[in-house]
């Protein structure tokens, strides 16, 4: 399989070939990271097929963004529409990027709406406070008297000294 891919890339004019034996489903693909790191402005990163590069549309767009940040272009030999060296390819990838951004915005707005509905129902967001309101007032009073060390006050409540230091009236 790798021999056929090497031959296809060589026939397409590839000067340097990076071989990744890790699954495309993995996020820590060293050879891909190395290839992107070595790209210079005007270089073209080529793959035989898109499924050799990305495991999802979002992954593809993230990789293409990294390639673009280096000033390089991208080309998939088997997928003519995925070729940023041509105007049609750039258009297709721009449309895909717009769709992905739209999807992210929908997710973000649904998340915000969900939080607002939860707050309206009285749901408290975030971590549960380590100290009750009474304990905070008591610790603040003890700290302001100055008779005890902040560290000792914190130990008595089982919290960090910085939490006691941050208390405000």
N, C-alpha and C. Protein backbone atom coordinates (compact mmCIF):
# COMPACT_ATOMS: atom_id res chain seq x y z
N UNK A 1 0.83 -1.20 0.00
CA UNK A 1 0.00 0.00 0.00
C UNK A 1 0.87 1.26 0.00
N UNK A 2 1.89 1.30 0.88
CA UNK A 2 2.75 2.47 0.92
C UNK A 2 3.52 2.65 -0.38
N UNK A 3 3.89 1.53 -1.04
CA UNK A 3 4.62 1.63 -2.31
C UNK A 3 3.78 2.34 -3.37
N UNK A 4 2.49 2.02 -3.45
CA UNK A 4 1.61 2.64 -4.43
C UNK A 4 1.46 4.14 -4.12
N UNK A 5 1.35 4.48 -2.84
CA UNK A 5 1.21 5.89 -2.46
C UNK A 5 2.50 6.65 -2.78
N UNK A 6 3.65 6.03 -2.45
CA UNK A 6 4.94 6.67 -2.77
C UNK A 6 5.06 6.93 -4.26
N UNK A 7 4.68 5.94 -5.08
CA UNK A 7 4.77 6.07 -6.54
C UNK A 7 3.86 7.18 -7.04
N UNK A 8 2.63 7.25 -6.53
CA UNK A 8 1.68 8.29 -6.95
C UNK A 8 2.20 9.68 -6.60
N UNK A 9 2.75 9.82 -5.41
CA UNK A 9 3.30 11.11 -4.99
C UNK A 9 4.52 11.49 -5.84
N UNK A 10 5.36 10.52 -6.11
CA UNK A 10 6.54 10.77 -6.94
C UNK A 10 6.15 11.19 -8.35
N UNK A 11 5.15 10.49 -8.91
CA UNK A 11 4.66 10.84 -10.25
C UNK A 11 4.06 12.24 -10.29
N UNK A 12 3.50 12.69 -9.17
CA UNK A 12 2.89 14.02 -9.10
C UNK A 12 3.93 15.10 -8.84
N UNK A 13 5.19 14.70 -8.65
CA UNK A 13 6.25 15.68 -8.48
C UNK A 13 6.69 15.93 -7.06
N UNK A 14 6.32 15.06 -6.12
CA UNK A 14 6.72 15.23 -4.73
C UNK A 14 8.23 15.13 -4.61
N UNK A 15 8.82 16.07 -3.92
CA UNK A 15 10.27 16.10 -3.71
C UNK A 15 10.63 15.32 -2.45
N UNK A 16 9.81 15.45 -1.42
CA UNK A 16 10.06 14.80 -0.14
C UNK A 16 8.80 14.09 0.31
N UNK A 17 8.94 12.87 0.81
CA UNK A 17 7.79 12.08 1.23
C UNK A 17 7.92 11.77 2.72
N UNK A 18 6.86 12.06 3.45
CA UNK A 18 6.77 11.72 4.87
C UNK A 18 5.84 10.53 4.98
N UNK A 19 6.25 9.50 5.69
CA UNK A 19 5.43 8.31 5.83
C UNK A 19 4.95 8.19 7.27
N UNK A 20 3.64 8.13 7.41
CA UNK A 20 3.02 7.99 8.73
C UNK A 20 2.40 6.61 8.80
N UNK A 21 2.87 5.81 9.73
CA UNK A 21 2.30 4.46 9.88
C UNK A 21 1.21 4.44 10.94
N UNK A 22 1.10 5.50 11.73
CA UNK A 22 0.05 5.59 12.74
C UNK A 22 -1.30 5.76 12.06
N UNK A 23 -2.33 5.30 12.71
CA UNK A 23 -3.69 5.42 12.18
C UNK A 23 -4.08 6.88 12.03
N UNK A 24 -4.86 7.18 11.00
CA UNK A 24 -5.36 8.53 10.79
C UNK A 24 -6.31 8.96 11.89
N UNK A 25 -6.82 8.00 12.68
CA UNK A 25 -7.73 8.31 13.78
C UNK A 25 -6.98 8.85 14.99
N UNK A 26 -5.66 8.70 15.00
CA UNK A 26 -4.87 9.20 16.13
C UNK A 26 -4.65 10.70 15.98
N UNK A 27 -4.54 11.37 17.10
CA UNK A 27 -4.31 12.82 17.05
C UNK A 27 -2.83 13.17 17.10
N UNK A 28 -2.00 12.27 17.58
CA UNK A 28 -0.57 12.56 17.69
C UNK A 28 0.20 11.90 16.55
N UNK A 29 0.05 12.46 15.37
CA UNK A 29 0.75 11.93 14.20
C UNK A 29 2.02 12.74 13.98
N UNK A 30 3.14 12.18 14.41
CA UNK A 30 4.42 12.90 14.41
C UNK A 30 4.87 13.30 13.01
N UNK A 31 4.72 12.41 12.05
CA UNK A 31 5.21 12.72 10.70
C UNK A 31 4.39 13.84 10.08
N UNK A 32 3.09 13.85 10.32
CA UNK A 32 2.26 14.94 9.80
C UNK A 32 2.69 16.26 10.44
N UNK A 33 2.89 16.26 11.74
CA UNK A 33 3.33 17.48 12.42
C UNK A 33 4.68 17.92 11.88
N UNK A 34 5.57 16.98 11.64
CA UNK A 34 6.90 17.30 11.10
C UNK A 34 6.78 17.89 9.69
N UNK A 35 5.92 17.28 8.87
CA UNK A 35 5.74 17.76 7.50
C UNK A 35 5.21 19.19 7.50
N UNK A 36 4.21 19.46 8.32
CA UNK A 36 3.64 20.80 8.39
C UNK A 36 4.67 21.80 8.92
N UNK A 37 5.44 21.38 9.92
CA UNK A 37 6.46 22.24 10.50
C UNK A 37 7.51 22.66 9.47
N UNK A 38 7.81 21.77 8.53
CA UNK A 38 8.86 22.04 7.54
C UNK A 38 8.35 22.77 6.30
N UNK A 39 7.04 23.01 6.22
CA UNK A 39 6.50 23.72 5.06
C UNK A 39 6.96 25.17 5.03
N UNK A 40 7.26 25.63 3.84
CA UNK A 40 7.62 27.03 3.65
C UNK A 40 6.60 27.67 2.71
N UNK A 41 6.61 28.97 2.64
CA UNK A 41 5.69 29.69 1.77
C UNK A 41 5.86 29.20 0.32
N UNK A 42 4.73 28.85 -0.30
CA UNK A 42 4.75 28.39 -1.68
C UNK A 42 4.86 26.88 -1.83
N UNK A 43 5.20 26.16 -0.74
CA UNK A 43 5.26 24.69 -0.81
C UNK A 43 3.85 24.14 -0.97
N UNK A 44 3.77 22.90 -1.47
CA UNK A 44 2.48 22.22 -1.61
C UNK A 44 2.57 20.90 -0.86
N UNK A 45 1.70 20.72 0.12
CA UNK A 45 1.60 19.44 0.82
C UNK A 45 0.64 18.58 0.03
N UNK A 46 1.11 17.42 -0.42
CA UNK A 46 0.27 16.52 -1.23
C UNK A 46 0.00 15.24 -0.46
N UNK A 47 -1.21 14.73 -0.65
CA UNK A 47 -1.58 13.41 -0.14
C UNK A 47 -2.24 12.65 -1.27
N UNK A 48 -2.22 11.33 -1.18
CA UNK A 48 -2.85 10.55 -2.25
C UNK A 48 -4.37 10.65 -2.16
N UNK A 49 -4.90 10.62 -0.93
CA UNK A 49 -6.35 10.74 -0.72
C UNK A 49 -6.58 11.45 0.61
N UNK A 50 -7.72 12.11 0.72
CA UNK A 50 -8.02 12.86 1.95
C UNK A 50 -8.07 11.97 3.18
N UNK A 51 -8.55 10.74 3.03
CA UNK A 51 -8.63 9.87 4.21
C UNK A 51 -7.25 9.48 4.73
N UNK A 52 -6.21 9.76 3.98
CA UNK A 52 -4.83 9.54 4.43
C UNK A 52 -4.38 10.68 5.33
N UNK A 53 -5.11 11.78 5.29
CA UNK A 53 -4.71 12.99 6.03
C UNK A 53 -5.57 13.25 7.25
N UNK A 54 -6.89 13.23 7.09
CA UNK A 54 -7.79 13.69 8.15
C UNK A 54 -8.84 12.63 8.47
N UNK A 55 -9.27 12.64 9.72
CA UNK A 55 -10.27 11.66 10.16
C UNK A 55 -11.68 12.25 10.18
N UNK A 56 -11.79 13.57 10.04
CA UNK A 56 -13.10 14.22 10.05
C UNK A 56 -12.99 15.54 9.30
N UNK A 57 -14.12 16.14 9.03
CA UNK A 57 -14.13 17.44 8.34
C UNK A 57 -13.44 18.49 9.20
N UNK A 58 -13.72 18.47 10.49
CA UNK A 58 -13.10 19.46 11.39
C UNK A 58 -11.59 19.26 11.43
N UNK A 59 -11.15 18.00 11.48
CA UNK A 59 -9.71 17.71 11.48
C UNK A 59 -9.08 18.21 10.18
N UNK A 60 -9.75 17.98 9.06
CA UNK A 60 -9.24 18.43 7.77
C UNK A 60 -9.09 19.95 7.76
N UNK A 61 -10.11 20.66 8.24
CA UNK A 61 -10.06 22.12 8.24
C UNK A 61 -8.96 22.65 9.17
N UNK A 62 -8.76 21.98 10.30
CA UNK A 62 -7.68 22.38 11.21
C UNK A 62 -6.31 22.18 10.56
N UNK A 63 -6.14 21.06 9.88
CA UNK A 63 -4.87 20.78 9.21
C UNK A 63 -4.65 21.78 8.08
N UNK A 64 -5.70 22.06 7.31
CA UNK A 64 -5.58 23.02 6.21
C UNK A 64 -5.26 24.42 6.74
N UNK A 65 -5.82 24.77 7.88
CA UNK A 65 -5.51 26.06 8.49
C UNK A 65 -4.04 26.13 8.88
N UNK A 66 -3.52 25.04 9.43
CA UNK A 66 -2.10 25.00 9.82
C UNK A 66 -1.20 25.12 8.59
N UNK A 67 -1.61 24.46 7.50
CA UNK A 67 -0.84 24.55 6.25
C UNK A 67 -0.89 25.98 5.72
N UNK A 68 -2.07 26.59 5.73
CA UNK A 68 -2.24 27.96 5.26
C UNK A 68 -1.44 28.96 6.07
N UNK A 69 -1.36 28.74 7.39
CA UNK A 69 -0.59 29.64 8.25
C UNK A 69 0.88 29.66 7.88
N UNK A 70 1.36 28.56 7.31
CA UNK A 70 2.76 28.48 6.89
C UNK A 70 2.96 29.07 5.50
N UNK A 71 1.86 29.52 4.88
CA UNK A 71 1.95 30.09 3.54
C UNK A 71 2.03 29.03 2.46
N UNK A 72 1.70 27.80 2.81
CA UNK A 72 1.79 26.69 1.87
C UNK A 72 0.41 26.37 1.30
N UNK A 73 0.38 25.49 0.31
CA UNK A 73 -0.85 25.06 -0.34
C UNK A 73 -1.05 23.57 -0.09
N UNK A 74 -2.22 23.06 -0.47
CA UNK A 74 -2.56 21.67 -0.25
C UNK A 74 -3.14 21.06 -1.51
N UNK A 75 -2.85 19.78 -1.72
CA UNK A 75 -3.41 19.08 -2.88
C UNK A 75 -3.62 17.61 -2.56
N UNK A 76 -4.82 17.13 -2.83
CA UNK A 76 -5.14 15.71 -2.73
C UNK A 76 -5.20 15.16 -4.14
N UNK A 77 -4.40 14.13 -4.42
CA UNK A 77 -4.32 13.60 -5.78
C UNK A 77 -5.63 12.96 -6.23
N UNK A 78 -6.33 12.28 -5.34
CA UNK A 78 -7.56 11.58 -5.71
C UNK A 78 -8.80 12.45 -5.61
N UNK A 79 -8.70 13.57 -4.94
CA UNK A 79 -9.85 14.44 -4.71
C UNK A 79 -9.57 15.80 -5.34
N UNK A 80 -9.94 15.96 -6.58
CA UNK A 80 -9.60 17.18 -7.33
C UNK A 80 -10.17 18.44 -6.68
N UNK A 81 -11.29 18.33 -6.00
CA UNK A 81 -11.89 19.50 -5.36
C UNK A 81 -11.08 19.97 -4.16
N UNK A 82 -10.22 19.10 -3.61
CA UNK A 82 -9.42 19.45 -2.44
C UNK A 82 -8.01 19.84 -2.88
N UNK A 83 -7.91 20.95 -3.57
CA UNK A 83 -6.64 21.38 -4.15
C UNK A 83 -6.58 22.90 -4.06
N UNK A 84 -5.85 23.41 -3.07
CA UNK A 84 -5.81 24.85 -2.89
C UNK A 84 -4.87 25.53 -3.89
N UNK A 85 -4.31 24.76 -4.80
CA UNK A 85 -3.48 25.37 -5.84
C UNK A 85 -4.35 25.86 -7.00
N UNK A 86 -5.65 25.51 -6.98
CA UNK A 86 -6.56 25.95 -8.05
C UNK A 86 -7.67 26.81 -7.45
N UNK A 87 -8.24 27.71 -8.25
CA UNK A 87 -9.34 28.54 -7.74
C UNK A 87 -10.56 27.70 -7.31
N UNK A 88 -10.88 26.64 -8.08
CA UNK A 88 -12.04 25.81 -7.73
C UNK A 88 -11.82 25.09 -6.40
N UNK A 89 -10.62 24.59 -6.20
CA UNK A 89 -10.31 23.91 -4.95
C UNK A 89 -10.39 24.86 -3.76
N UNK A 90 -9.86 26.08 -3.92
CA UNK A 90 -9.95 27.06 -2.84
C UNK A 90 -11.40 27.40 -2.53
N UNK A 91 -12.22 27.52 -3.58
CA UNK A 91 -13.64 27.80 -3.38
C UNK A 91 -14.30 26.69 -2.58
N UNK A 92 -14.07 25.44 -2.96
CA UNK A 92 -14.70 24.31 -2.27
C UNK A 92 -14.28 24.28 -0.79
N UNK A 93 -13.01 24.47 -0.54
CA UNK A 93 -12.54 24.42 0.84
C UNK A 93 -13.02 25.63 1.64
N UNK A 94 -13.22 26.76 0.99
CA UNK A 94 -13.78 27.93 1.65
C UNK A 94 -15.23 27.66 2.04
N UNK A 95 -15.98 27.02 1.15
CA UNK A 95 -17.38 26.67 1.45
C UNK A 95 -17.42 25.69 2.62
N UNK A 96 -16.55 24.68 2.60
CA UNK A 96 -16.51 23.73 3.71
C UNK A 96 -16.16 24.43 5.02
N UNK A 97 -15.21 25.35 4.97
CA UNK A 97 -14.84 26.10 6.16
C UNK A 97 -15.99 26.94 6.68
N UNK A 98 -16.75 27.54 5.76
CA UNK A 98 -17.92 28.33 6.16
C UNK A 98 -18.98 27.47 6.81
N UNK A 99 -19.20 26.27 6.27
CA UNK A 99 -20.17 25.35 6.87
C UNK A 99 -19.72 24.92 8.26
N UNK A 100 -18.45 24.64 8.42
CA UNK A 100 -17.94 24.24 9.73
C UNK A 100 -18.07 25.38 10.74
N UNK A 101 -17.79 26.61 10.31
CA UNK A 101 -17.94 27.76 11.19
C UNK A 101 -19.40 27.95 11.58
N UNK A 102 -20.31 27.77 10.62
CA UNK A 102 -21.74 27.87 10.89
C UNK A 102 -22.16 26.82 11.92
N UNK A 103 -21.66 25.60 11.75
CA UNK A 103 -21.98 24.52 12.68
C UNK A 103 -21.46 24.85 14.09
N UNK A 104 -20.23 25.37 14.19
CA UNK A 104 -19.68 25.75 15.49
C UNK A 104 -20.52 26.83 16.15
N UNK A 105 -20.99 27.81 15.35
CA UNK A 105 -21.81 28.89 15.88
C UNK A 105 -23.15 28.36 16.38
N UNK A 106 -23.75 27.41 15.66
CA UNK A 106 -25.01 26.80 16.12
C UNK A 106 -24.80 26.09 17.45
N UNK A 107 -23.72 25.35 17.56
CA UNK A 107 -23.43 24.63 18.80
C UNK A 107 -23.24 25.62 19.94
N UNK A 108 -22.49 26.69 19.68
CA UNK A 108 -22.24 27.70 20.70
C UNK A 108 -23.56 28.34 21.16
N UNK A 109 -24.43 28.70 20.21
CA UNK A 109 -25.68 29.36 20.60
C UNK A 109 -26.60 28.41 21.36
N UNK A 110 -26.63 27.13 20.96
CA UNK A 110 -27.45 26.16 21.70
C UNK A 110 -26.91 25.96 23.11
N UNK A 111 -25.60 25.99 23.26
CA UNK A 111 -25.00 25.84 24.58
C UNK A 111 -25.36 27.02 25.47
N UNK A 112 -25.27 28.23 24.92
CA UNK A 112 -25.62 29.43 25.69
C UNK A 112 -27.10 29.39 26.09
N UNK A 113 -27.97 29.01 25.16
CA UNK A 113 -29.40 28.93 25.47
C UNK A 113 -29.66 27.90 26.56
N UNK A 114 -28.98 26.79 26.48
CA UNK A 114 -29.14 25.74 27.49
C UNK A 114 -28.72 26.21 28.87
N UNK A 115 -27.61 26.94 28.93
CA UNK A 115 -27.15 27.49 30.22
C UNK A 115 -28.16 28.48 30.77
N UNK A 116 -28.70 29.34 29.91
CA UNK A 116 -29.68 30.33 30.36
C UNK A 116 -30.94 29.65 30.89
N UNK A 117 -31.41 28.60 30.20
CA UNK A 117 -32.59 27.87 30.68
C UNK A 117 -32.30 27.21 32.03
N UNK A 118 -31.11 26.66 32.18
CA UNK A 118 -30.74 26.02 33.45
C UNK A 118 -30.69 27.05 34.58
N UNK A 119 -30.09 28.21 34.31
CA UNK A 119 -30.03 29.26 35.33
C UNK A 119 -31.44 29.72 35.72
N UNK A 120 -32.34 29.81 34.73
CA UNK A 120 -33.72 30.23 35.01
C UNK A 120 -34.42 29.21 35.91
N UNK A 121 -34.01 27.94 35.81
CA UNK A 121 -34.58 26.90 36.67
C UNK A 121 -33.91 26.86 38.04
N UNK A 122 -32.89 27.72 38.23
CA UNK A 122 -32.21 27.78 39.52
C UNK A 122 -30.98 26.91 39.63
N UNK A 123 -30.53 26.34 38.52
CA UNK A 123 -29.33 25.51 38.54
C UNK A 123 -28.11 26.41 38.71
N UNK A 124 -27.25 26.05 39.63
CA UNK A 124 -26.01 26.80 39.87
C UNK A 124 -24.93 26.23 38.95
N UNK A 125 -24.22 27.10 38.26
CA UNK A 125 -23.15 26.68 37.36
C UNK A 125 -21.81 26.72 38.08
N UNK A 126 -20.89 25.93 37.64
CA UNK A 126 -19.53 25.96 38.17
C UNK A 126 -19.36 25.06 39.38
N UNK A 127 -18.20 25.18 39.96
CA UNK A 127 -17.87 24.36 41.12
C UNK A 127 -18.67 24.79 42.34
N UNK A 128 -18.90 23.83 43.20
CA UNK A 128 -19.56 24.13 44.46
C UNK A 128 -18.55 24.85 45.34
N UNK A 129 -18.94 25.96 45.97
CA UNK A 129 -18.00 26.68 46.82
C UNK A 129 -17.51 25.80 47.97
N UNK A 130 -16.22 25.92 48.30
CA UNK A 130 -15.66 25.12 49.39
C UNK A 130 -16.13 25.63 50.74
N UNK A 131 -16.38 26.93 50.82
CA UNK A 131 -16.82 27.52 52.07
C UNK A 131 -18.25 28.03 51.94
N UNK A 132 -19.03 27.85 52.99
CA UNK A 132 -20.37 28.42 52.99
C UNK A 132 -20.25 29.92 53.22
N UNK A 133 -21.34 30.64 53.06
CA UNK A 133 -21.33 32.09 53.29
C UNK A 133 -20.95 32.39 54.73
N UNK A 134 -21.46 31.58 55.67
CA UNK A 134 -21.14 31.77 57.09
C UNK A 134 -19.64 31.55 57.34
N UNK A 135 -19.07 30.49 56.74
CA UNK A 135 -17.64 30.20 56.92
C UNK A 135 -16.78 31.31 56.32
N UNK A 136 -17.20 31.83 55.17
CA UNK A 136 -16.44 32.93 54.55
C UNK A 136 -16.42 34.15 55.47
N UNK A 137 -17.58 34.50 56.00
CA UNK A 137 -17.67 35.66 56.89
C UNK A 137 -16.84 35.44 58.15
N UNK A 138 -16.92 34.24 58.68
CA UNK A 138 -16.16 33.91 59.89
C UNK A 138 -14.64 33.97 59.63
N UNK A 139 -14.19 33.39 58.49
CA UNK A 139 -12.77 33.40 58.14
C UNK A 139 -12.28 34.82 57.89
N UNK A 140 -13.10 35.63 57.24
CA UNK A 140 -12.75 37.03 56.98
C UNK A 140 -12.59 37.79 58.28
N UNK A 141 -13.50 37.56 59.21
CA UNK A 141 -13.43 38.22 60.51
C UNK A 141 -12.17 37.80 61.26
N UNK A 142 -11.86 36.49 61.23
CA UNK A 142 -10.65 35.99 61.91
C UNK A 142 -9.39 36.58 61.27
N UNK A 143 -9.38 36.67 59.95
CA UNK A 143 -8.21 37.22 59.26
C UNK A 143 -8.04 38.70 59.58
N UNK A 144 -9.15 39.45 59.58
CA UNK A 144 -9.07 40.89 59.83
C UNK A 144 -8.64 41.23 61.25
N UNK A 145 -8.92 40.33 62.20
CA UNK A 145 -8.47 40.55 63.58
C UNK A 145 -6.95 40.50 63.65
N UNK A 146 -6.34 39.68 62.78
CA UNK A 146 -4.89 39.61 62.72
C UNK A 146 -4.24 38.81 63.84
N UNK A 147 -5.03 38.08 64.62
CA UNK A 147 -4.49 37.30 65.73
C UNK A 147 -3.97 35.94 65.28
N UNK A 148 -4.43 35.48 64.10
CA UNK A 148 -4.03 34.16 63.59
C UNK A 148 -3.35 34.32 62.23
N UNK A 149 -2.50 33.37 61.91
CA UNK A 149 -1.90 33.35 60.58
C UNK A 149 -2.93 32.89 59.56
N UNK A 150 -2.84 33.42 58.35
CA UNK A 150 -3.76 33.06 57.28
C UNK A 150 -3.69 31.55 57.03
N UNK A 151 -2.50 31.01 57.10
CA UNK A 151 -2.31 29.57 56.87
C UNK A 151 -3.07 28.74 57.91
N UNK A 152 -3.06 29.18 59.16
CA UNK A 152 -3.78 28.46 60.22
C UNK A 152 -5.29 28.53 60.02
N UNK A 153 -5.77 29.69 59.61
CA UNK A 153 -7.21 29.84 59.33
C UNK A 153 -7.59 28.90 58.19
N UNK A 154 -6.78 28.88 57.14
CA UNK A 154 -7.06 28.03 55.99
C UNK A 154 -7.08 26.56 56.38
N UNK A 155 -6.11 26.14 57.20
CA UNK A 155 -6.06 24.74 57.64
C UNK A 155 -7.30 24.35 58.44
N UNK A 156 -7.84 25.27 59.21
CA UNK A 156 -9.02 24.96 60.02
C UNK A 156 -10.25 24.69 59.16
N UNK A 157 -10.26 25.24 57.95
CA UNK A 157 -11.39 25.02 57.02
C UNK A 157 -11.06 24.00 55.93
N UNK A 158 -9.81 23.57 55.89
CA UNK A 158 -9.41 22.61 54.87
C UNK A 158 -9.31 23.21 53.48
N UNK A 159 -8.88 24.47 53.41
CA UNK A 159 -8.72 25.15 52.12
C UNK A 159 -7.31 25.72 52.03
N UNK A 160 -6.97 26.28 50.89
CA UNK A 160 -5.64 26.86 50.72
C UNK A 160 -5.57 28.25 51.36
N UNK A 161 -4.35 28.65 51.69
CA UNK A 161 -4.16 29.98 52.29
C UNK A 161 -4.53 31.09 51.31
N UNK A 162 -4.35 30.82 50.00
CA UNK A 162 -4.68 31.86 49.01
C UNK A 162 -6.19 32.12 48.98
N UNK A 163 -6.99 31.09 49.26
CA UNK A 163 -8.44 31.29 49.28
C UNK A 163 -8.80 32.26 50.41
N UNK A 164 -8.19 32.08 51.54
CA UNK A 164 -8.48 32.98 52.68
C UNK A 164 -7.97 34.38 52.36
N UNK A 165 -6.82 34.48 51.69
CA UNK A 165 -6.26 35.78 51.34
C UNK A 165 -7.14 36.53 50.35
N UNK A 166 -7.84 35.81 49.50
CA UNK A 166 -8.69 36.44 48.46
C UNK A 166 -10.05 36.88 48.99
N UNK A 167 -10.42 36.46 50.19
CA UNK A 167 -11.75 36.81 50.72
C UNK A 167 -11.91 38.31 50.83
N UNK A 168 -13.06 38.80 50.41
CA UNK A 168 -13.41 40.21 50.50
C UNK A 168 -14.76 40.34 51.17
N UNK A 169 -14.97 41.48 51.82
CA UNK A 169 -16.24 41.72 52.54
C UNK A 169 -17.40 41.76 51.57
